[in-house]
């Protein structure tokens, strides 16, 4: 059983930065990839960034060049550095664990709110 706990959300002005953290425990060595999703009010949840167990990364077009996903294996933590934030980045951000290649994301954190004011 994998447990995920996010932190680091908050309110920031447009152009500012935040770093989200996701502490991972339980079943770590079975995880195929970690992802950061977000869900804005009235919108579907979308995958923002992903990092595989080999370290390869993928980003949504809307955040490329502004967001960076990384991980610290010693701390069992996944991060997402968010720079040049825009009001449209406002959402609840979730980290999630994918256990099988090409499978769904099986485990989710509780979410952390990010609010970007103009």
N, C-alpha and C. Protein backbone atom coordinates (compact mmCIF):
# COMPACT_ATOMS: atom_id res chain seq x y z
N UNK A 1 0.85 -1.19 0.00
CA UNK A 1 0.00 0.00 0.00
C UNK A 1 0.89 1.24 0.00
N UNK A 2 0.65 2.11 -0.96
CA UNK A 2 1.43 3.34 -1.10
C UNK A 2 0.65 4.49 -0.48
N UNK A 3 1.34 5.30 0.30
CA UNK A 3 0.75 6.51 0.86
C UNK A 3 1.46 7.72 0.31
N UNK A 4 0.67 8.75 -0.04
CA UNK A 4 1.21 9.97 -0.64
C UNK A 4 0.69 11.17 0.14
N UNK A 5 1.60 12.07 0.50
CA UNK A 5 1.20 13.27 1.24
C UNK A 5 1.83 14.47 0.57
N UNK A 6 0.98 15.36 0.04
CA UNK A 6 1.47 16.57 -0.63
C UNK A 6 1.61 17.71 0.37
N UNK A 7 2.48 18.64 0.01
CA UNK A 7 2.62 19.88 0.77
C UNK A 7 3.20 20.93 -0.16
N UNK A 8 3.16 22.18 0.28
CA UNK A 8 3.81 23.24 -0.46
C UNK A 8 2.89 24.16 -1.23
N UNK A 9 1.59 23.87 -1.21
CA UNK A 9 0.68 24.76 -1.91
C UNK A 9 0.55 26.09 -1.18
N UNK A 10 -0.18 27.00 -1.80
CA UNK A 10 -0.40 28.30 -1.19
C UNK A 10 -0.88 29.31 -2.21
N UNK A 11 -0.81 30.56 -1.82
CA UNK A 11 -1.23 31.64 -2.70
C UNK A 11 -0.03 32.48 -3.09
N UNK A 12 0.05 32.79 -4.37
CA UNK A 12 1.18 33.55 -4.89
C UNK A 12 0.68 34.47 -5.99
N UNK A 13 1.39 35.54 -6.22
CA UNK A 13 1.03 36.46 -7.31
C UNK A 13 1.54 35.92 -8.64
N UNK A 14 0.90 36.33 -9.70
CA UNK A 14 1.33 35.93 -11.04
C UNK A 14 2.80 36.27 -11.23
N UNK A 15 3.53 35.32 -11.82
CA UNK A 15 4.95 35.47 -12.02
C UNK A 15 5.79 34.88 -10.91
N UNK A 16 5.14 34.50 -9.82
CA UNK A 16 5.85 33.94 -8.69
C UNK A 16 6.11 32.46 -8.84
N UNK A 17 6.67 31.87 -7.76
CA UNK A 17 7.07 30.46 -7.79
C UNK A 17 6.58 29.74 -6.54
N UNK A 18 6.37 28.46 -6.68
CA UNK A 18 6.06 27.57 -5.56
C UNK A 18 6.73 26.23 -5.84
N UNK A 19 7.04 25.50 -4.78
CA UNK A 19 7.53 24.15 -4.93
C UNK A 19 6.62 23.21 -4.16
N UNK A 20 6.05 22.26 -4.86
CA UNK A 20 5.22 21.24 -4.24
C UNK A 20 6.07 20.02 -3.90
N UNK A 21 5.73 19.39 -2.80
CA UNK A 21 6.41 18.16 -2.40
C UNK A 21 5.40 17.05 -2.22
N UNK A 22 5.83 15.83 -2.49
CA UNK A 22 4.98 14.65 -2.30
C UNK A 22 5.82 13.59 -1.60
N UNK A 23 5.52 13.36 -0.33
CA UNK A 23 6.23 12.33 0.44
C UNK A 23 5.59 10.98 0.18
N UNK A 24 6.43 10.01 -0.17
CA UNK A 24 5.95 8.69 -0.56
C UNK A 24 6.38 7.66 0.47
N UNK A 25 5.44 6.80 0.87
CA UNK A 25 5.78 5.71 1.79
C UNK A 25 5.03 4.44 1.37
N UNK A 26 5.61 3.28 1.70
CA UNK A 26 4.95 2.01 1.41
C UNK A 26 5.01 1.61 -0.05
N UNK A 27 5.57 0.47 -0.37
CA UNK A 27 5.55 -0.04 -1.73
C UNK A 27 6.35 0.78 -2.72
N UNK A 28 7.32 1.51 -2.23
CA UNK A 28 8.06 2.45 -3.09
C UNK A 28 8.71 1.76 -4.27
N UNK A 29 9.29 0.60 -4.05
CA UNK A 29 10.06 -0.05 -5.09
C UNK A 29 9.18 -0.66 -6.17
N UNK A 30 7.87 -0.67 -5.95
CA UNK A 30 6.93 -1.19 -6.96
C UNK A 30 6.37 -0.10 -7.86
N UNK A 31 6.71 1.14 -7.59
CA UNK A 31 6.14 2.25 -8.35
C UNK A 31 6.81 2.39 -9.71
N UNK A 32 6.01 2.45 -10.78
CA UNK A 32 6.54 2.61 -12.12
C UNK A 32 6.80 4.08 -12.45
N UNK A 33 5.91 4.94 -12.02
CA UNK A 33 6.05 6.36 -12.31
C UNK A 33 5.24 7.17 -11.31
N UNK A 34 5.65 8.43 -11.14
CA UNK A 34 4.91 9.37 -10.30
C UNK A 34 4.43 10.52 -11.17
N UNK A 35 3.23 11.00 -10.87
CA UNK A 35 2.69 12.11 -11.64
C UNK A 35 2.13 13.18 -10.74
N UNK A 36 2.11 14.39 -11.28
CA UNK A 36 1.40 15.50 -10.65
C UNK A 36 0.20 15.84 -11.55
N UNK A 37 -0.97 15.81 -10.96
CA UNK A 37 -2.20 16.19 -11.64
C UNK A 37 -2.70 17.49 -11.02
N UNK A 38 -3.60 18.16 -11.74
CA UNK A 38 -4.29 19.30 -11.16
C UNK A 38 -5.74 19.31 -11.63
N UNK A 39 -6.58 19.92 -10.80
CA UNK A 39 -7.99 20.06 -11.15
C UNK A 39 -8.46 21.44 -10.73
N UNK A 40 -8.85 22.20 -11.72
CA UNK A 40 -9.41 23.53 -11.48
C UNK A 40 -10.93 23.42 -11.37
N UNK A 41 -11.57 24.39 -10.72
CA UNK A 41 -13.03 24.34 -10.57
C UNK A 41 -13.73 24.24 -11.92
N UNK A 42 -14.63 23.27 -12.03
CA UNK A 42 -15.39 23.10 -13.25
C UNK A 42 -14.65 22.45 -14.39
N UNK A 43 -13.42 21.99 -14.13
CA UNK A 43 -12.62 21.38 -15.19
C UNK A 43 -12.24 19.96 -14.81
N UNK A 44 -11.87 19.19 -15.83
CA UNK A 44 -11.42 17.82 -15.58
C UNK A 44 -10.01 17.82 -15.01
N UNK A 45 -9.71 16.77 -14.28
CA UNK A 45 -8.36 16.60 -13.76
C UNK A 45 -7.41 16.35 -14.92
N UNK A 46 -6.27 16.99 -14.92
CA UNK A 46 -5.31 16.82 -16.01
C UNK A 46 -3.93 16.50 -15.47
N UNK A 47 -3.21 15.68 -16.24
CA UNK A 47 -1.83 15.33 -15.89
C UNK A 47 -0.92 16.49 -16.28
N UNK A 48 -0.19 16.99 -15.32
CA UNK A 48 0.68 18.13 -15.53
C UNK A 48 2.12 17.69 -15.81
N UNK A 49 2.61 16.74 -15.03
CA UNK A 49 3.99 16.29 -15.18
C UNK A 49 4.10 14.86 -14.68
N UNK A 50 5.08 14.16 -15.22
CA UNK A 50 5.28 12.75 -14.88
C UNK A 50 6.77 12.46 -14.86
N UNK A 51 7.19 11.61 -13.91
CA UNK A 51 8.57 11.15 -13.88
C UNK A 51 8.56 9.64 -13.70
N UNK A 52 9.28 8.95 -14.56
CA UNK A 52 9.30 7.49 -14.50
C UNK A 52 10.33 7.02 -13.48
N UNK A 53 10.33 5.72 -13.23
CA UNK A 53 11.31 5.17 -12.28
C UNK A 53 12.73 5.27 -12.84
N UNK A 54 12.84 5.50 -14.16
CA UNK A 54 14.16 5.66 -14.77
C UNK A 54 14.58 7.13 -14.83
N UNK A 55 13.67 8.03 -14.41
CA UNK A 55 14.01 9.44 -14.38
C UNK A 55 13.57 10.25 -15.58
N UNK A 56 12.94 9.59 -16.55
CA UNK A 56 12.47 10.35 -17.71
C UNK A 56 11.23 11.15 -17.32
N UNK A 57 11.10 12.33 -17.93
CA UNK A 57 10.02 13.23 -17.56
C UNK A 57 9.16 13.62 -18.77
N UNK A 58 7.91 13.95 -18.48
CA UNK A 58 6.98 14.44 -19.49
C UNK A 58 6.16 15.57 -18.87
N UNK A 59 5.78 16.53 -19.72
CA UNK A 59 5.03 17.68 -19.23
C UNK A 59 3.86 17.99 -20.15
N UNK A 60 2.80 18.55 -19.57
CA UNK A 60 1.73 19.10 -20.38
C UNK A 60 2.26 20.33 -21.11
N UNK A 61 1.76 20.58 -22.30
CA UNK A 61 2.23 21.72 -23.08
C UNK A 61 2.05 23.03 -22.32
N UNK A 62 1.02 23.11 -21.52
CA UNK A 62 0.70 24.36 -20.83
C UNK A 62 1.73 24.73 -19.77
N UNK A 63 2.56 23.77 -19.34
CA UNK A 63 3.52 24.06 -18.27
C UNK A 63 4.97 23.86 -18.70
N UNK A 64 5.19 23.42 -19.93
CA UNK A 64 6.56 23.19 -20.39
C UNK A 64 7.38 24.47 -20.29
N UNK A 65 8.59 24.32 -19.76
CA UNK A 65 9.47 25.46 -19.61
C UNK A 65 9.23 26.25 -18.34
N UNK A 66 8.15 25.95 -17.62
CA UNK A 66 7.86 26.66 -16.37
C UNK A 66 7.88 25.74 -15.17
N UNK A 67 7.45 24.50 -15.34
CA UNK A 67 7.39 23.52 -14.24
C UNK A 67 8.48 22.48 -14.43
N UNK A 68 9.03 22.00 -13.31
CA UNK A 68 10.03 20.94 -13.35
C UNK A 68 9.71 19.90 -12.29
N UNK A 69 9.56 18.66 -12.71
CA UNK A 69 9.34 17.57 -11.78
C UNK A 69 10.67 16.89 -11.48
N UNK A 70 10.88 16.50 -10.24
CA UNK A 70 12.12 15.84 -9.86
C UNK A 70 11.83 14.93 -8.66
N UNK A 71 12.82 14.18 -8.30
CA UNK A 71 12.64 13.30 -7.15
C UNK A 71 13.94 13.17 -6.38
N UNK A 72 13.81 12.89 -5.10
CA UNK A 72 14.95 12.64 -4.23
C UNK A 72 14.72 11.25 -3.65
N UNK A 73 15.41 10.26 -4.19
CA UNK A 73 15.18 8.88 -3.76
C UNK A 73 15.56 8.67 -2.30
N UNK A 74 16.56 9.39 -1.83
CA UNK A 74 16.99 9.23 -0.44
C UNK A 74 15.91 9.70 0.53
N UNK A 75 15.13 10.69 0.09
CA UNK A 75 14.07 11.24 0.94
C UNK A 75 12.68 10.69 0.57
N UNK A 76 12.64 9.82 -0.44
CA UNK A 76 11.35 9.28 -0.90
C UNK A 76 10.34 10.39 -1.17
N UNK A 77 10.80 11.39 -1.87
CA UNK A 77 9.97 12.57 -2.12
C UNK A 77 10.05 12.96 -3.59
N UNK A 78 8.91 13.34 -4.12
CA UNK A 78 8.83 13.88 -5.48
C UNK A 78 8.47 15.36 -5.37
N UNK A 79 9.11 16.17 -6.20
CA UNK A 79 8.88 17.61 -6.15
C UNK A 79 8.35 18.10 -7.49
N UNK A 80 7.71 19.25 -7.43
CA UNK A 80 7.41 19.98 -8.66
C UNK A 80 7.67 21.45 -8.41
N UNK A 81 8.71 21.94 -9.06
CA UNK A 81 9.03 23.36 -8.99
C UNK A 81 8.19 24.08 -10.03
N UNK A 82 7.45 25.09 -9.60
CA UNK A 82 6.56 25.83 -10.50
C UNK A 82 7.01 27.28 -10.54
N UNK A 83 7.46 27.71 -11.70
CA UNK A 83 7.92 29.09 -11.89
C UNK A 83 7.00 29.83 -12.86
N UNK A 84 7.12 31.14 -12.87
CA UNK A 84 6.33 31.97 -13.78
C UNK A 84 4.85 31.60 -13.73
N UNK A 85 4.34 31.49 -12.53
CA UNK A 85 2.97 31.04 -12.36
C UNK A 85 1.97 32.03 -12.94
N UNK A 86 0.89 31.47 -13.48
CA UNK A 86 -0.17 32.26 -14.09
C UNK A 86 -1.49 32.01 -13.36
N UNK A 87 -2.43 32.93 -13.44
CA UNK A 87 -3.73 32.69 -12.79
C UNK A 87 -4.39 31.39 -13.25
N UNK A 88 -4.16 31.00 -14.50
CA UNK A 88 -4.76 29.75 -14.99
C UNK A 88 -4.11 28.50 -14.41
N UNK A 89 -3.04 28.66 -13.64
CA UNK A 89 -2.45 27.52 -12.93
C UNK A 89 -3.18 27.24 -11.61
N UNK A 90 -4.11 28.10 -11.25
CA UNK A 90 -4.86 27.91 -10.02
C UNK A 90 -5.65 26.61 -10.08
N UNK A 91 -5.44 25.75 -9.08
CA UNK A 91 -6.08 24.44 -9.06
C UNK A 91 -5.69 23.73 -7.76
N UNK A 92 -6.34 22.60 -7.53
CA UNK A 92 -5.87 21.67 -6.51
C UNK A 92 -4.90 20.71 -7.22
N UNK A 93 -3.72 20.57 -6.65
CA UNK A 93 -2.68 19.73 -7.24
C UNK A 93 -2.57 18.44 -6.44
N UNK A 94 -2.52 17.33 -7.17
CA UNK A 94 -2.44 16.00 -6.57
C UNK A 94 -1.21 15.26 -7.08
N UNK A 95 -0.54 14.56 -6.21
CA UNK A 95 0.46 13.62 -6.70
C UNK A 95 -0.18 12.23 -6.74
N UNK A 96 0.32 11.41 -7.65
CA UNK A 96 -0.26 10.10 -7.86
C UNK A 96 0.82 9.11 -8.26
N UNK A 97 0.60 7.84 -7.92
CA UNK A 97 1.56 6.78 -8.22
C UNK A 97 0.97 5.80 -9.21
N UNK A 98 1.75 5.52 -10.25
CA UNK A 98 1.38 4.53 -11.26
C UNK A 98 2.20 3.28 -11.00
N UNK A 99 1.51 2.17 -10.75
CA UNK A 99 2.23 0.96 -10.34
C UNK A 99 2.66 0.11 -11.54
N UNK A 100 1.91 0.19 -12.65
CA UNK A 100 2.20 -0.67 -13.81
C UNK A 100 2.39 0.19 -15.05
N UNK A 101 3.34 -0.17 -15.92
CA UNK A 101 3.48 0.57 -17.18
C UNK A 101 2.18 0.57 -17.95
N UNK A 102 1.79 1.71 -18.47
CA UNK A 102 0.57 1.89 -19.27
C UNK A 102 -0.70 1.71 -18.45
N UNK A 103 -0.55 1.56 -17.13
CA UNK A 103 -1.72 1.42 -16.28
C UNK A 103 -2.22 2.75 -15.78
N UNK A 104 -3.31 2.71 -15.02
CA UNK A 104 -3.84 3.93 -14.43
C UNK A 104 -3.01 4.30 -13.20
N UNK A 105 -3.25 5.48 -12.69
CA UNK A 105 -2.61 5.90 -11.44
C UNK A 105 -3.45 5.34 -10.30
N UNK A 106 -2.80 4.51 -9.49
CA UNK A 106 -3.52 3.72 -8.50
C UNK A 106 -3.67 4.38 -7.14
N UNK A 107 -2.71 5.22 -6.80
CA UNK A 107 -2.73 5.84 -5.48
C UNK A 107 -2.63 7.36 -5.63
N UNK A 108 -3.37 8.05 -4.75
CA UNK A 108 -3.46 9.50 -4.83
C UNK A 108 -3.26 10.14 -3.47
N UNK A 109 -2.67 11.33 -3.50
CA UNK A 109 -2.59 12.12 -2.29
C UNK A 109 -3.89 12.88 -2.06
N UNK A 110 -3.92 13.66 -0.99
CA UNK A 110 -5.14 14.38 -0.63
C UNK A 110 -5.30 15.69 -1.38
N UNK A 111 -4.25 16.14 -2.02
CA UNK A 111 -4.30 17.38 -2.79
C UNK A 111 -3.84 18.58 -1.99
N UNK A 112 -3.30 19.55 -2.71
CA UNK A 112 -2.88 20.81 -2.10
C UNK A 112 -3.31 21.96 -3.02
N UNK A 113 -3.86 23.00 -2.45
CA UNK A 113 -4.39 24.11 -3.22
C UNK A 113 -3.29 25.07 -3.63
N UNK A 114 -3.31 25.43 -4.91
CA UNK A 114 -2.43 26.47 -5.44
C UNK A 114 -3.32 27.56 -6.02
N UNK A 115 -3.13 28.78 -5.54
CA UNK A 115 -3.91 29.91 -6.02
C UNK A 115 -2.96 31.00 -6.52
N UNK A 116 -3.14 31.40 -7.77
CA UNK A 116 -2.29 32.42 -8.37
C UNK A 116 -3.17 33.64 -8.66
N UNK A 117 -2.84 34.73 -8.04
CA UNK A 117 -3.62 35.95 -8.21
C UNK A 117 -2.96 36.86 -9.24
N UNK A 118 -3.80 37.59 -9.94
CA UNK A 118 -3.29 38.48 -11.00
C UNK A 118 -2.95 39.85 -10.46
